[in-house]
PDB file of N, CA and C in Angstrom:
ATOM      1  N   UNK A   1     -54.800  68.161 -33.094  1.00  0.00           N
ATOM      2  CA  UNK A   1     -56.095  68.342 -33.714  1.00  0.00           C
ATOM      3  C   UNK A   1     -56.921  69.363 -32.934  1.00  0.00           C
ATOM      4  N   UNK A   2     -56.908  69.244 -31.630  1.00  0.00           N
ATOM      5  CA  UNK A   2     -57.681  70.147 -30.781  1.00  0.00           C
ATOM      6  C   UNK A   2     -57.225  71.590 -30.958  1.00  0.00           C
ATOM      7  N   UNK A   3     -55.923  71.803 -30.922  1.00  0.00           N
ATOM      8  CA  UNK A   3     -55.391  73.150 -31.071  1.00  0.00           C
ATOM      9  C   UNK A   3     -55.736  73.722 -32.444  1.00  0.00           C
ATOM     10  N   UNK A   4     -55.613  72.934 -33.475  1.00  0.00           N
ATOM     11  CA  UNK A   4     -55.908  73.400 -34.822  1.00  0.00           C
ATOM     12  C   UNK A   4     -57.361  73.804 -34.999  1.00  0.00           C
ATOM     13  N   UNK A   5     -58.275  73.000 -34.489  1.00  0.00           N
ATOM     14  CA  UNK A   5     -59.706  73.316 -34.613  1.00  0.00           C
ATOM     15  C   UNK A   5     -60.040  74.565 -33.804  1.00  0.00           C
ATOM     16  N   UNK A   6     -59.472  74.694 -32.609  1.00  0.00           N
ATOM     17  CA  UNK A   6     -59.746  75.863 -31.775  1.00  0.00           C
ATOM     18  C   UNK A   6     -59.234  77.148 -32.435  1.00  0.00           C
ATOM     19  N   UNK A   7     -58.044  77.089 -32.987  1.00  0.00           N
ATOM     20  CA  UNK A   7     -57.485  78.268 -33.657  1.00  0.00           C
ATOM     21  C   UNK A   7     -58.285  78.602 -34.910  1.00  0.00           C
ATOM     22  N   UNK A   8     -58.646  77.608 -35.682  1.00  0.00           N
ATOM     23  CA  UNK A   8     -59.427  77.838 -36.891  1.00  0.00           C
ATOM     24  C   UNK A   8     -60.765  78.497 -36.549  1.00  0.00           C
ATOM     25  N   UNK A   9     -61.435  78.024 -35.520  1.00  0.00           N
ATOM     26  CA  UNK A   9     -62.708  78.627 -35.121  1.00  0.00           C
ATOM     27  C   UNK A   9     -62.521  80.073 -34.673  1.00  0.00           C
ATOM     28  N   UNK A  10     -61.438  80.353 -33.981  1.00  0.00           N
ATOM     29  CA  UNK A  10     -61.153  81.730 -33.582  1.00  0.00           C
ATOM     30  C   UNK A  10     -60.875  82.635 -34.764  1.00  0.00           C
ATOM     31  N   UNK A  11     -60.143  82.136 -35.729  1.00  0.00           N
ATOM     32  CA  UNK A  11     -59.835  82.918 -36.935  1.00  0.00           C
ATOM     33  C   UNK A  11     -61.111  83.200 -37.724  1.00  0.00           C
ATOM     34  N   UNK A  12     -61.976  82.214 -37.832  1.00  0.00           N
ATOM     35  CA  UNK A  12     -63.245  82.395 -38.544  1.00  0.00           C
ATOM     36  C   UNK A  12     -64.065  83.499 -37.884  1.00  0.00           C
ATOM     37  N   UNK A  13     -64.127  83.492 -36.577  1.00  0.00           N
ATOM     38  CA  UNK A  13     -64.913  84.492 -35.844  1.00  0.00           C
ATOM     39  C   UNK A  13     -64.311  85.882 -35.966  1.00  0.00           C
ATOM     40  N   UNK A  14     -63.033  86.011 -35.707  1.00  0.00           N
ATOM     41  CA  UNK A  14     -62.390  87.329 -35.736  1.00  0.00           C
ATOM     42  C   UNK A  14     -62.369  87.908 -37.148  1.00  0.00           C
ATOM     43  N   UNK A  15     -62.139  87.091 -38.153  1.00  0.00           N
ATOM     44  CA  UNK A  15     -62.110  87.623 -39.523  1.00  0.00           C
ATOM     45  C   UNK A  15     -63.484  88.131 -39.949  1.00  0.00           C
ATOM     46  N   UNK A  16     -64.542  87.467 -39.512  1.00  0.00           N
ATOM     47  CA  UNK A  16     -65.882  87.940 -39.866  1.00  0.00           C
ATOM     48  C   UNK A  16     -66.208  89.253 -39.135  1.00  0.00           C
ATOM     49  N   UNK A  17     -65.809  89.351 -37.882  1.00  0.00           N
ATOM     50  CA  UNK A  17     -66.030  90.600 -37.139  1.00  0.00           C
ATOM     51  C   UNK A  17     -65.246  91.734 -37.793  1.00  0.00           C
ATOM     52  N   UNK A  18     -64.009  91.479 -38.188  1.00  0.00           N
ATOM     53  CA  UNK A  18     -63.204  92.503 -38.860  1.00  0.00           C
ATOM     54  C   UNK A  18     -63.831  92.918 -40.183  1.00  0.00           C
ATOM     55  N   UNK A  19     -64.409  91.956 -40.910  1.00  0.00           N
ATOM     56  CA  UNK A  19     -65.076  92.280 -42.175  1.00  0.00           C
ATOM     57  C   UNK A  19     -66.285  93.183 -41.926  1.00  0.00           C
ATOM     58  N   UNK A  20     -67.043  92.891 -40.887  1.00  0.00           N
ATOM     59  CA  UNK A  20     -68.190  93.739 -40.557  1.00  0.00           C
ATOM     60  C   UNK A  20     -67.749  95.142 -40.150  1.00  0.00           C
ATOM     61  N   UNK A  21     -66.622  95.238 -39.455  1.00  0.00           N
ATOM     62  CA  UNK A  21     -66.092  96.549 -39.067  1.00  0.00           C
ATOM     63  C   UNK A  21     -65.662  97.337 -40.301  1.00  0.00           C
ATOM     64  N   UNK A  22     -65.072  96.664 -41.284  1.00  0.00           N
ATOM     65  CA  UNK A  22     -64.650  97.354 -42.503  1.00  0.00           C
ATOM     66  C   UNK A  22     -65.840  97.871 -43.296  1.00  0.00           C
ATOM     67  N   UNK A  23     -66.987  97.209 -43.132  1.00  0.00           N
ATOM     68  CA  UNK A  23     -68.200  97.672 -43.802  1.00  0.00           C
ATOM     69  C   UNK A  23     -68.835  98.850 -43.075  1.00  0.00           C
ATOM     70  N   UNK A  24     -68.255  99.264 -41.947  1.00  0.00           N
ATOM     71  CA  UNK A  24     -68.726 100.442 -41.242  1.00  0.00           C
ATOM     72  C   UNK A  24     -69.622 100.178 -40.053  1.00  0.00           C
ATOM     73  N   UNK A  25     -69.736  98.962 -39.636  1.00  0.00           N
ATOM     74  CA  UNK A  25     -70.594  98.620 -38.506  1.00  0.00           C
ATOM     75  C   UNK A  25     -69.903  99.006 -37.199  1.00  0.00           C
ATOM     76  N   UNK A  26     -70.650  99.533 -36.217  1.00  0.00           N
ATOM     77  CA  UNK A  26     -70.048  99.845 -34.910  1.00  0.00           C
ATOM     78  C   UNK A  26     -69.504  98.585 -34.229  1.00  0.00           C
ATOM     79  N   UNK A  27     -68.563  98.779 -33.319  1.00  0.00           N
ATOM     80  CA  UNK A  27     -67.865  97.654 -32.688  1.00  0.00           C
ATOM     81  C   UNK A  27     -68.832  96.715 -31.980  1.00  0.00           C
ATOM     82  N   UNK A  28     -69.690  97.254 -31.138  1.00  0.00           N
ATOM     83  CA  UNK A  28     -70.609  96.406 -30.365  1.00  0.00           C
ATOM     84  C   UNK A  28     -71.503  95.570 -31.276  1.00  0.00           C
ATOM     85  N   UNK A  29     -72.057  96.214 -32.278  1.00  0.00           N
ATOM     86  CA  UNK A  29     -72.956  95.513 -33.198  1.00  0.00           C
ATOM     87  C   UNK A  29     -72.197  94.476 -34.038  1.00  0.00           C
ATOM     88  N   UNK A  30     -70.981  94.818 -34.454  1.00  0.00           N
ATOM     89  CA  UNK A  30     -70.183  93.883 -35.255  1.00  0.00           C
ATOM     90  C   UNK A  30     -69.820  92.640 -34.450  1.00  0.00           C
ATOM     91  N   UNK A  31     -69.498  92.816 -33.185  1.00  0.00           N
ATOM     92  CA  UNK A  31     -69.140  91.670 -32.343  1.00  0.00           C
ATOM     93  C   UNK A  31     -70.348  90.766 -32.130  1.00  0.00           C
ATOM     94  N   UNK A  32     -71.493  91.353 -31.827  1.00  0.00           N
ATOM     95  CA  UNK A  32     -72.695  90.548 -31.591  1.00  0.00           C
ATOM     96  C   UNK A  32     -73.137  89.855 -32.871  1.00  0.00           C
ATOM     97  N   UNK A  33     -73.218  90.606 -33.959  1.00  0.00           N
ATOM     98  CA  UNK A  33     -73.669  90.009 -35.218  1.00  0.00           C
ATOM     99  C   UNK A  33     -72.669  88.994 -35.762  1.00  0.00           C
ATOM    100  N   UNK A  34     -71.377  89.300 -35.644  1.00  0.00           N
ATOM    101  CA  UNK A  34     -70.359  88.372 -36.104  1.00  0.00           C
ATOM    102  C   UNK A  34     -70.387  87.067 -35.324  1.00  0.00           C
ATOM    103  N   UNK A  35     -70.607  87.167 -34.024  1.00  0.00           N
ATOM    104  CA  UNK A  35     -70.700  85.957 -33.204  1.00  0.00           C
ATOM    105  C   UNK A  35     -71.940  85.146 -33.563  1.00  0.00           C
ATOM    106  N   UNK A  36     -73.031  85.819 -33.824  1.00  0.00           N
ATOM    107  CA  UNK A  36     -74.255  85.109 -34.219  1.00  0.00           C
ATOM    108  C   UNK A  36     -74.110  84.469 -35.598  1.00  0.00           C
ATOM    109  N   UNK A  37     -73.515  85.212 -36.525  1.00  0.00           N
ATOM    110  CA  UNK A  37     -73.361  84.701 -37.892  1.00  0.00           C
ATOM    111  C   UNK A  37     -72.438  83.488 -37.961  1.00  0.00           C
ATOM    112  N   UNK A  38     -71.420  83.449 -37.136  1.00  0.00           N
ATOM    113  CA  UNK A  38     -70.425  82.382 -37.211  1.00  0.00           C
ATOM    114  C   UNK A  38     -70.623  81.289 -36.169  1.00  0.00           C
ATOM    115  N   UNK A  39     -71.717  81.341 -35.420  1.00  0.00           N
ATOM    116  CA  UNK A  39     -71.977  80.314 -34.416  1.00  0.00           C
ATOM    117  C   UNK A  39     -72.165  78.949 -35.070  1.00  0.00           C
ATOM    118  N   UNK A  40     -72.970  78.872 -36.106  1.00  0.00           N
ATOM    119  CA  UNK A  40     -73.234  77.583 -36.763  1.00  0.00           C
ATOM    120  C   UNK A  40     -71.977  76.970 -37.377  1.00  0.00           C
ATOM    121  N   UNK A  41     -71.174  77.723 -38.169  1.00  0.00           N
ATOM    122  CA  UNK A  41     -69.960  77.104 -38.716  1.00  0.00           C
ATOM    123  C   UNK A  41     -68.981  76.624 -37.643  1.00  0.00           C
ATOM    124  N   UNK A  42     -68.858  77.385 -36.564  1.00  0.00           N
ATOM    125  CA  UNK A  42     -67.949  76.992 -35.490  1.00  0.00           C
ATOM    126  C   UNK A  42     -68.451  75.719 -34.810  1.00  0.00           C
ATOM    127  N   UNK A  43     -69.740  75.661 -34.523  1.00  0.00           N
ATOM    128  CA  UNK A  43     -70.300  74.476 -33.876  1.00  0.00           C
ATOM    129  C   UNK A  43     -70.255  73.259 -34.797  1.00  0.00           C
ATOM    130  N   UNK A  44     -70.470  73.458 -36.082  1.00  0.00           N
ATOM    131  CA  UNK A  44     -70.419  72.337 -37.019  1.00  0.00           C
ATOM    132  C   UNK A  44     -68.999  71.778 -37.133  1.00  0.00           C
ATOM    133  N   UNK A  45     -68.004  72.648 -37.121  1.00  0.00           N
ATOM    134  CA  UNK A  45     -66.622  72.182 -37.172  1.00  0.00           C
ATOM    135  C   UNK A  45     -66.302  71.325 -35.954  1.00  0.00           C
ATOM    136  N   UNK A  46     -66.695  71.791 -34.782  1.00  0.00           N
ATOM    137  CA  UNK A  46     -66.447  71.026 -33.560  1.00  0.00           C
ATOM    138  C   UNK A  46     -67.279  69.740 -33.546  1.00  0.00           C
ATOM    139  N   UNK A  47     -68.512  69.810 -34.003  1.00  0.00           N
ATOM    140  CA  UNK A  47     -69.386  68.637 -33.983  1.00  0.00           C
ATOM    141  C   UNK A  47     -68.843  67.528 -34.885  1.00  0.00           C
ATOM    142  N   UNK A  48     -68.334  67.887 -36.045  1.00  0.00           N
ATOM    143  CA  UNK A  48     -67.775  66.885 -36.951  1.00  0.00           C
ATOM    144  C   UNK A  48     -66.558  66.217 -36.330  1.00  0.00           C
ATOM    145  N   UNK A  49     -65.715  67.007 -35.688  1.00  0.00           N
ATOM    146  CA  UNK A  49     -64.542  66.422 -35.030  1.00  0.00           C
ATOM    147  C   UNK A  49     -64.966  65.513 -33.874  1.00  0.00           C
ATOM    148  N   UNK A  50     -65.968  65.930 -33.111  1.00  0.00           N
ATOM    149  CA  UNK A  50     -66.448  65.127 -31.990  1.00  0.00           C
ATOM    150  C   UNK A  50     -67.064  63.826 -32.495  1.00  0.00           C
ATOM    151  N   UNK A  51     -67.905  63.914 -33.520  1.00  0.00           N
ATOM    152  CA  UNK A  51     -68.544  62.705 -34.055  1.00  0.00           C
ATOM    153  C   UNK A  51     -67.524  61.732 -34.636  1.00  0.00           C
ATOM    154  N   UNK A  52     -66.444  62.256 -35.185  1.00  0.00           N
ATOM    155  CA  UNK A  52     -65.422  61.365 -35.735  1.00  0.00           C
ATOM    156  C   UNK A  52     -64.648  60.640 -34.637  1.00  0.00           C
ATOM    157  N   UNK A  53     -64.693  61.163 -33.410  1.00  0.00           N
ATOM    158  CA  UNK A  53     -63.984  60.529 -32.303  1.00  0.00           C
ATOM    159  C   UNK A  53     -64.858  59.570 -31.499  1.00  0.00           C
ATOM    160  N   UNK A  54     -66.137  59.478 -31.812  1.00  0.00           N
ATOM    161  CA  UNK A  54     -67.030  58.587 -31.065  1.00  0.00           C
ATOM    162  C   UNK A  54     -66.569  57.128 -31.115  1.00  0.00           C
ATOM    163  N   UNK A  55     -66.133  56.593 -32.251  1.00  0.00           N
ATOM    164  CA  UNK A  55     -65.637  55.209 -32.230  1.00  0.00           C
ATOM    165  C   UNK A  55     -64.447  55.010 -31.286  1.00  0.00           C
ATOM    166  N   UNK A  56     -63.590  56.016 -31.170  1.00  0.00           N
ATOM    167  CA  UNK A  56     -62.463  55.900 -30.245  1.00  0.00           C
ATOM    168  C   UNK A  56     -62.924  55.940 -28.788  1.00  0.00           C
ATOM    169  N   UNK A  57     -63.991  56.688 -28.517  1.00  0.00           N
ATOM    170  CA  UNK A  57     -64.504  56.768 -27.146  1.00  0.00           C
ATOM    171  C   UNK A  57     -65.024  55.422 -26.651  1.00  0.00           C
ATOM    172  N   UNK A  58     -65.592  54.646 -27.559  1.00  0.00           N
ATOM    173  CA  UNK A  58     -66.200  53.380 -27.168  1.00  0.00           C
ATOM    174  C   UNK A  58     -65.390  52.165 -27.609  1.00  0.00           C
ATOM    175  N   UNK A  59     -64.128  52.370 -27.979  1.00  0.00           N
ATOM    176  CA  UNK A  59     -63.280  51.263 -28.425  1.00  0.00           C
ATOM    177  C   UNK A  59     -62.997  50.313 -27.266  1.00  0.00           C
ATOM    178  N   UNK A  60     -62.983  49.019 -27.558  1.00  0.00           N
ATOM    179  CA  UNK A  60     -62.675  48.016 -26.533  1.00  0.00           C
ATOM    180  C   UNK A  60     -61.584  47.057 -26.981  1.00  0.00           C
ATOM    181  N   UNK A  61     -61.128  47.188 -28.195  1.00  0.00           N
ATOM    182  CA  UNK A  61     -60.138  46.263 -28.737  1.00  0.00           C
ATOM    183  C   UNK A  61     -58.723  46.618 -28.324  1.00  0.00           C
ATOM    184  N   UNK A  62     -57.761  45.992 -28.978  1.00  0.00           N
ATOM    185  CA  UNK A  62     -56.357  46.282 -28.692  1.00  0.00           C
ATOM    186  C   UNK A  62     -56.038  47.754 -28.981  1.00  0.00           C
ATOM    187  N   UNK A  63     -55.349  48.385 -28.085  1.00  0.00           N
ATOM    188  CA  UNK A  63     -54.995  49.798 -28.237  1.00  0.00           C
ATOM    189  C   UNK A  63     -56.011  50.756 -27.674  1.00  0.00           C
ATOM    190  N   UNK A  64     -57.139  50.236 -27.214  1.00  0.00           N
ATOM    191  CA  UNK A  64     -58.183  51.124 -26.702  1.00  0.00           C
ATOM    192  C   UNK A  64     -57.771  51.820 -25.408  1.00  0.00           C
ATOM    193  N   UNK A  65     -56.814  51.236 -24.682  1.00  0.00           N
ATOM    194  CA  UNK A  65     -56.362  51.871 -23.446  1.00  0.00           C
ATOM    195  C   UNK A  65     -55.627  53.179 -23.715  1.00  0.00           C
ATOM    196  N   UNK A  66     -55.185  53.387 -24.941  1.00  0.00           N
ATOM    197  CA  UNK A  66     -54.562  54.646 -25.337  1.00  0.00           C
ATOM    198  C   UNK A  66     -55.568  55.533 -26.067  1.00  0.00           C
ATOM    199  N   UNK A  67     -56.395  54.942 -26.919  1.00  0.00           N
ATOM    200  CA  UNK A  67     -57.333  55.708 -27.734  1.00  0.00           C
ATOM    201  C   UNK A  67     -58.419  56.378 -26.908  1.00  0.00           C
ATOM    202  N   UNK A  68     -58.974  55.658 -25.954  1.00  0.00           N
ATOM    203  CA  UNK A  68     -60.106  56.188 -25.190  1.00  0.00           C
ATOM    204  C   UNK A  68     -59.751  57.458 -24.397  1.00  0.00           C
ATOM    205  N   UNK A  69     -58.654  57.477 -23.631  1.00  0.00           N
ATOM    206  CA  UNK A  69     -58.311  58.719 -22.915  1.00  0.00           C
ATOM    207  C   UNK A  69     -57.992  59.878 -23.856  1.00  0.00           C
ATOM    208  N   UNK A  70     -57.343  59.574 -24.980  1.00  0.00           N
ATOM    209  CA  UNK A  70     -57.034  60.624 -25.951  1.00  0.00           C
ATOM    210  C   UNK A  70     -58.315  61.225 -26.518  1.00  0.00           C
ATOM    211  N   UNK A  71     -59.254  60.386 -26.904  1.00  0.00           N
ATOM    212  CA  UNK A  71     -60.520  60.879 -27.445  1.00  0.00           C
ATOM    213  C   UNK A  71     -61.302  61.668 -26.394  1.00  0.00           C
ATOM    214  N   UNK A  72     -61.254  61.232 -25.154  1.00  0.00           N
ATOM    215  CA  UNK A  72     -61.956  61.936 -24.080  1.00  0.00           C
ATOM    216  C   UNK A  72     -61.403  63.342 -23.902  1.00  0.00           C
ATOM    217  N   UNK A  73     -60.100  63.465 -23.915  1.00  0.00           N
ATOM    218  CA  UNK A  73     -59.471  64.777 -23.756  1.00  0.00           C
ATOM    219  C   UNK A  73     -59.798  65.691 -24.936  1.00  0.00           C
ATOM    220  N   UNK A  74     -59.739  65.160 -26.138  1.00  0.00           N
ATOM    221  CA  UNK A  74     -60.003  65.982 -27.320  1.00  0.00           C
ATOM    222  C   UNK A  74     -61.469  66.423 -27.360  1.00  0.00           C
ATOM    223  N   UNK A  75     -62.393  65.529 -27.073  1.00  0.00           N
ATOM    224  CA  UNK A  75     -63.815  65.890 -27.075  1.00  0.00           C
ATOM    225  C   UNK A  75     -64.093  66.944 -25.996  1.00  0.00           C
ATOM    226  N   UNK A  76     -63.575  66.744 -24.807  1.00  0.00           N
ATOM    227  CA  UNK A  76     -63.754  67.742 -23.749  1.00  0.00           C
ATOM    228  C   UNK A  76     -63.132  69.077 -24.107  1.00  0.00           C
ATOM    229  N   UNK A  77     -61.967  69.029 -24.718  1.00  0.00           N
ATOM    230  CA  UNK A  77     -61.306  70.263 -25.133  1.00  0.00           C
ATOM    231  C   UNK A  77     -62.062  70.995 -26.222  1.00  0.00           C
ATOM    232  N   UNK A  78     -62.641  70.261 -27.154  1.00  0.00           N
ATOM    233  CA  UNK A  78     -63.426  70.906 -28.215  1.00  0.00           C
ATOM    234  C   UNK A  78     -64.664  71.594 -27.640  1.00  0.00           C
ATOM    235  N   UNK A  79     -65.312  70.926 -26.706  1.00  0.00           N
ATOM    236  CA  UNK A  79     -66.509  71.527 -26.099  1.00  0.00           C
ATOM    237  C   UNK A  79     -66.155  72.785 -25.319  1.00  0.00           C
ATOM    238  N   UNK A  80     -65.115  72.735 -24.519  1.00  0.00           N
ATOM    239  CA  UNK A  80     -64.753  73.905 -23.717  1.00  0.00           C
ATOM    240  C   UNK A  80     -64.100  75.001 -24.551  1.00  0.00           C
ATOM    241  N   UNK A  81     -63.374  74.632 -25.600  1.00  0.00           N
ATOM    242  CA  UNK A  81     -62.726  75.666 -26.409  1.00  0.00           C
ATOM    243  C   UNK A  81     -63.745  76.497 -27.182  1.00  0.00           C
ATOM    244  N   UNK A  82     -64.832  75.891 -27.608  1.00  0.00           N
ATOM    245  CA  UNK A  82     -65.862  76.665 -28.308  1.00  0.00           C
ATOM    246  C   UNK A  82     -66.483  77.714 -27.393  1.00  0.00           C
ATOM    247  N   UNK A  83     -66.787  77.318 -26.184  1.00  0.00           N
ATOM    248  CA  UNK A  83     -67.380  78.260 -25.233  1.00  0.00           C
ATOM    249  C   UNK A  83     -66.381  79.350 -24.858  1.00  0.00           C
ATOM    250  N   UNK A  84     -65.161  78.954 -24.558  1.00  0.00           N
ATOM    251  CA  UNK A  84     -64.166  79.954 -24.158  1.00  0.00           C
ATOM    252  C   UNK A  84     -63.764  80.857 -25.322  1.00  0.00           C
ATOM    253  N   UNK A  85     -63.693  80.312 -26.539  1.00  0.00           N
ATOM    254  CA  UNK A  85     -63.390  81.147 -27.707  1.00  0.00           C
ATOM    255  C   UNK A  85     -64.467  82.198 -27.924  1.00  0.00           C
ATOM    256  N   UNK A  86     -65.714  81.798 -27.833  1.00  0.00           N
ATOM    257  CA  UNK A  86     -66.809  82.743 -28.072  1.00  0.00           C
ATOM    258  C   UNK A  86     -66.784  83.878 -27.055  1.00  0.00           C
ATOM    259  N   UNK A  87     -66.602  83.549 -25.804  1.00  0.00           N
ATOM    260  CA  UNK A  87     -66.593  84.580 -24.753  1.00  0.00           C
ATOM    261  C   UNK A  87     -65.320  85.417 -24.791  1.00  0.00           C
ATOM    262  N   UNK A  88     -64.186  84.762 -24.879  1.00  0.00           N
ATOM    263  CA  UNK A  88     -62.903  85.459 -24.799  1.00  0.00           C
ATOM    264  C   UNK A  88     -62.647  86.331 -26.020  1.00  0.00           C
ATOM    265  N   UNK A  89     -62.843  85.796 -27.202  1.00  0.00           N
ATOM    266  CA  UNK A  89     -62.544  86.565 -28.407  1.00  0.00           C
ATOM    267  C   UNK A  89     -63.473  87.762 -28.572  1.00  0.00           C
ATOM    268  N   UNK A  90     -64.744  87.577 -28.262  1.00  0.00           N
ATOM    269  CA  UNK A  90     -65.675  88.700 -28.370  1.00  0.00           C
ATOM    270  C   UNK A  90     -65.306  89.809 -27.384  1.00  0.00           C
ATOM    271  N   UNK A  91     -64.966  89.429 -26.171  1.00  0.00           N
ATOM    272  CA  UNK A  91     -64.588  90.417 -25.164  1.00  0.00           C
ATOM    273  C   UNK A  91     -63.293  91.117 -25.534  1.00  0.00           C
ATOM    274  N   UNK A  92     -62.291  90.358 -25.954  1.00  0.00           N
ATOM    275  CA  UNK A  92     -61.018  90.961 -26.325  1.00  0.00           C
ATOM    276  C   UNK A  92     -61.148  91.853 -27.550  1.00  0.00           C
ATOM    277  N   UNK A  93     -61.960  91.451 -28.503  1.00  0.00           N
ATOM    278  CA  UNK A  93     -62.137  92.283 -29.693  1.00  0.00           C
ATOM    279  C   UNK A  93     -62.773  93.621 -29.311  1.00  0.00           C
ATOM    280  N   UNK A  94     -63.788  93.563 -28.464  1.00  0.00           N
ATOM    281  CA  UNK A  94     -64.425  94.792 -27.987  1.00  0.00           C
ATOM    282  C   UNK A  94     -63.457  95.656 -27.214  1.00  0.00           C
ATOM    283  N   UNK A  95     -62.587  95.039 -26.465  1.00  0.00           N
ATOM    284  CA  UNK A  95     -61.664  95.760 -25.606  1.00  0.00           C
ATOM    285  C   UNK A  95     -60.580  96.467 -26.410  1.00  0.00           C
ATOM    286  N   UNK A  96     -60.048  95.820 -27.432  1.00  0.00           N
ATOM    287  CA  UNK A  96     -58.942  96.393 -28.188  1.00  0.00           C
ATOM    288  C   UNK A  96     -59.370  97.230 -29.390  1.00  0.00           C
ATOM    289  N   UNK A  97     -60.480  96.943 -30.000  1.00  0.00           N
ATOM    290  CA  UNK A  97     -60.888  97.649 -31.217  1.00  0.00           C
ATOM    291  C   UNK A  97     -61.179  99.134 -31.004  1.00  0.00           C
ATOM    292  N   UNK A  98     -61.867  99.561 -29.944  1.00  0.00           N
ATOM    293  CA  UNK A  98     -62.132 101.000 -29.813  1.00  0.00           C
ATOM    294  C   UNK A  98     -60.865 101.840 -29.751  1.00  0.00           C
ATOM    295  N   UNK A  99     -59.799 101.329 -29.164  1.00  0.00           N
ATOM    296  CA  UNK A  99     -58.556 102.081 -29.097  1.00  0.00           C
ATOM    297  C   UNK A  99     -57.986 102.315 -30.479  1.00  0.00           C
ATOM    298  N   UNK A 100     -58.070 101.304 -31.345  1.00  0.00           N
ATOM    299  CA  UNK A 100     -57.580 101.452 -32.716  1.00  0.00           C
ATOM    300  C   UNK A 100     -58.471 102.403 -33.506  1.00  0.00           C
ATOM    301  N   UNK A 101     -59.783 102.311 -33.302  1.00  0.00           N
ATOM    302  CA  UNK A 101     -60.717 103.159 -34.052  1.00  0.00           C
ATOM    303  C   UNK A 101     -60.563 104.614 -33.644  1.00  0.00           C
ATOM    304  N   UNK A 102     -60.332 104.881 -32.345  1.00  0.00           N
ATOM    305  CA  UNK A 102     -60.162 106.257 -31.885  1.00  0.00           C
ATOM    306  C   UNK A 102     -58.873 106.860 -32.421  1.00  0.00           C
ATOM    307  N   UNK A 103     -57.818 106.066 -32.548  1.00  0.00           N
ATOM    308  CA  UNK A 103     -56.553 106.599 -33.046  1.00  0.00           C
ATOM    309  C   UNK A 103     -56.615 106.926 -34.535  1.00  0.00           C
ATOM    310  N   UNK A 104     -57.543 106.279 -35.270  1.00  0.00           N
ATOM    311  CA  UNK A 104     -57.692 106.542 -36.701  1.00  0.00           C
ATOM    312  C   UNK A 104     -58.447 107.838 -36.956  1.00  0.00           C
ATOM    313  N   UNK A 105     -59.277 108.263 -36.005  1.00  0.00           N
ATOM    314  CA  UNK A 105     -60.078 109.474 -36.211  1.00  0.00           C
ATOM    315  C   UNK A 105     -59.297 110.713 -36.074  1.00  0.00           C
TER     316      UNK A 105
END
């Protein structure tokens, strides 16, 4: 679940930045605007997954010794993956896109 949500959020961000680039926006502006435009959908996706795991975090019944650590790892991973996706993908897109744009000219 964690991997799927992280990849989906990355795809949402990169596809929007690519769409802005196709509309003729410069790389720097497309990365900043694309990150701002897709911040809410990315955070909402992670928030829904986190909220759905809250019952597992506080479970005390049978099986909770397995559910609680799993939910803790997934919630922590969702929080850190959003931050790392935003920083890493924006930086990598900026780093690789100018080389492609220069070769097209």
